[in-house]
């Protein structure tokens, strides 16, 4: 995969006449952007000890699937269309979800964002989050989340990412759903602060929360629909369009931007906050290099972000050490910082090359429609005081020829709407919130830059050999391999020729899951009955012996997955010493009693003799 960025540039330049763009990027800038993205992916491979020639979505990395560390990189990869093993990721993440759904809290008791992140990751990898086993993650994590726990139980985060996820494929909300799309929108906008920003704690505007709120509301930025709501910060009632609300938030972000072009959280400049702002701007069709609100002298947002890249290709969180965040060092690339920069740069790339926004996973619009939108935006940009009502009406007619659910991509429609109002032209346009009721299911789309993703899957003897070399007795060490192979065999066009091998893989999976359940059971007992180990007494001997018998039956690899396994092994010695000490104490006590009896007996004997 070396020099993929150079090949990408060639593809983009060859298809330049096919891709509508707002003409932001020069070939030089585009090459630099793609080169940085490739450097990030190369750094993450090094961080995971994965060979440069191997997919990032392979065994070491896939162990993180289903958590924050393992889902955002696939989102970035899929949205740029980077060649990787998306099927392996889908196999592992789906299995992760299915197993977690067997528990009481499923993905989480309080955090709805578990559903949101995983849904977006599945879409980015080309999967369908409405059909993960028997579960519909979109329903469970968005419009029906309230049937178990409020979507806002974790604060504004739940509302923001719930709306982003709901709109990721313009999902239809059923009539009997617990919440509607409009209700979720109103929950978000009601949390806007008086100064235009948003905050997790509802006190002082925060860069990240403000940027994420904009990302969620971005699909409604060009809508004329008005929302009536009560602002929780002030208790005041308002009726506003999303355009007005976002403009207020943008003004606050511009005010929060530092003199270096960046952003801070808790007074610390950091690259993650800047990355979230970049995603917010590109979601609105705004290029940070072209908007004066986000330039501070000669310093731009993009310059600030790139200044945080290290020589190894990764990005640091901040340039100064913060004792409250000791894992983020100013001289060492940070995984979370790097993943956020990755998808922020991908979002910028998508804007520059005429693709859908970062969190819109639907298939791309037809080329003809894209070109018509670009021409309309150029015409709208040229509107001035000399543009008459007839010309404006012609532009409106062109606009209304586009499907309602696609009109958000006319990024400057608001200028046309304002000009039409000044000419007393009545606008009777449908609400975007109603138009987005489109899909009930469907797969996300990997960026159509690489065609190799669509190649049919075919089982070979080499694939069978990979299965045969899985060592026995089985351990959970190769669980990810087995899950990936099951998916590969299930999807193959010659699956029928390998039914025996597939059945064997399912047996392996079943046995490994039994081992995993045993490890979890041991861990539960350790936490409930044995922890903390330094307080164990001889009364705990039976429990310790029983757990150690089960522990010793595990392979060395699986023993390493038991909580505090070294302390568990030491506890045997601790208990034995306690029992030994107790026995010695008993023995000494018996001896002492015996001596007392002997002494008393002799004393009594002597008394009798004297008498």
Foldseek 3Di string as FASTA:
>chain_A
DPPVLVVLLVLCVVCVVLFDALQPDDSVVSSVLSVLLLLLLQLLCVVQVHDPPAFSCDDSLLVCQLDPLRQLLLLLCLLLLPDHPLLLNLLSNLVVQVVQCVDPCRSHQQALVSLLSSQSSQQSSFHWCCCSPNHRSLQCSAQAVVVRPDLCSQALVSLLSNLLSCLLALAADDPPTNDASLVSLQVNLLQQAPQLAHDRVSDDHFLLRLLSSLLSCLLQLLPPDWDWHANPNVRDIDIGGVVVSNVSSLLVNLVQQDLQLFHDGPPFTFLLSLLSNLLSQLSLLHDQVPDPSRHRVPHHSVNVNVVQADPSSAGFGGLDADPVCNVGDNHDHDSVSRSSNSLSSSQVSCNRRNAHGSSHQDDGDRSVVSVLLSVLLVVLVPDDPPQALVNLVVSVVSLVVDQLLPSSVSSPVVSSVVVNVVNVNDDDDDRNSVSSNDDNIGHGHRPPSDPVVPDAQADDVVLVVVLVPQDPPHECSCLSVLSSSLSSLVRHPVNVVCVVSNVVSVVSNVVHVVLVVLLVVLQVCCVPPCPPVVPDALVCQVVLVVSVVSLVVHDPVSNVSHPPSVSSVVSNVVNVVRVVVVVVVVVVVVVVVVVVVVVVVVVVVVVVVVD
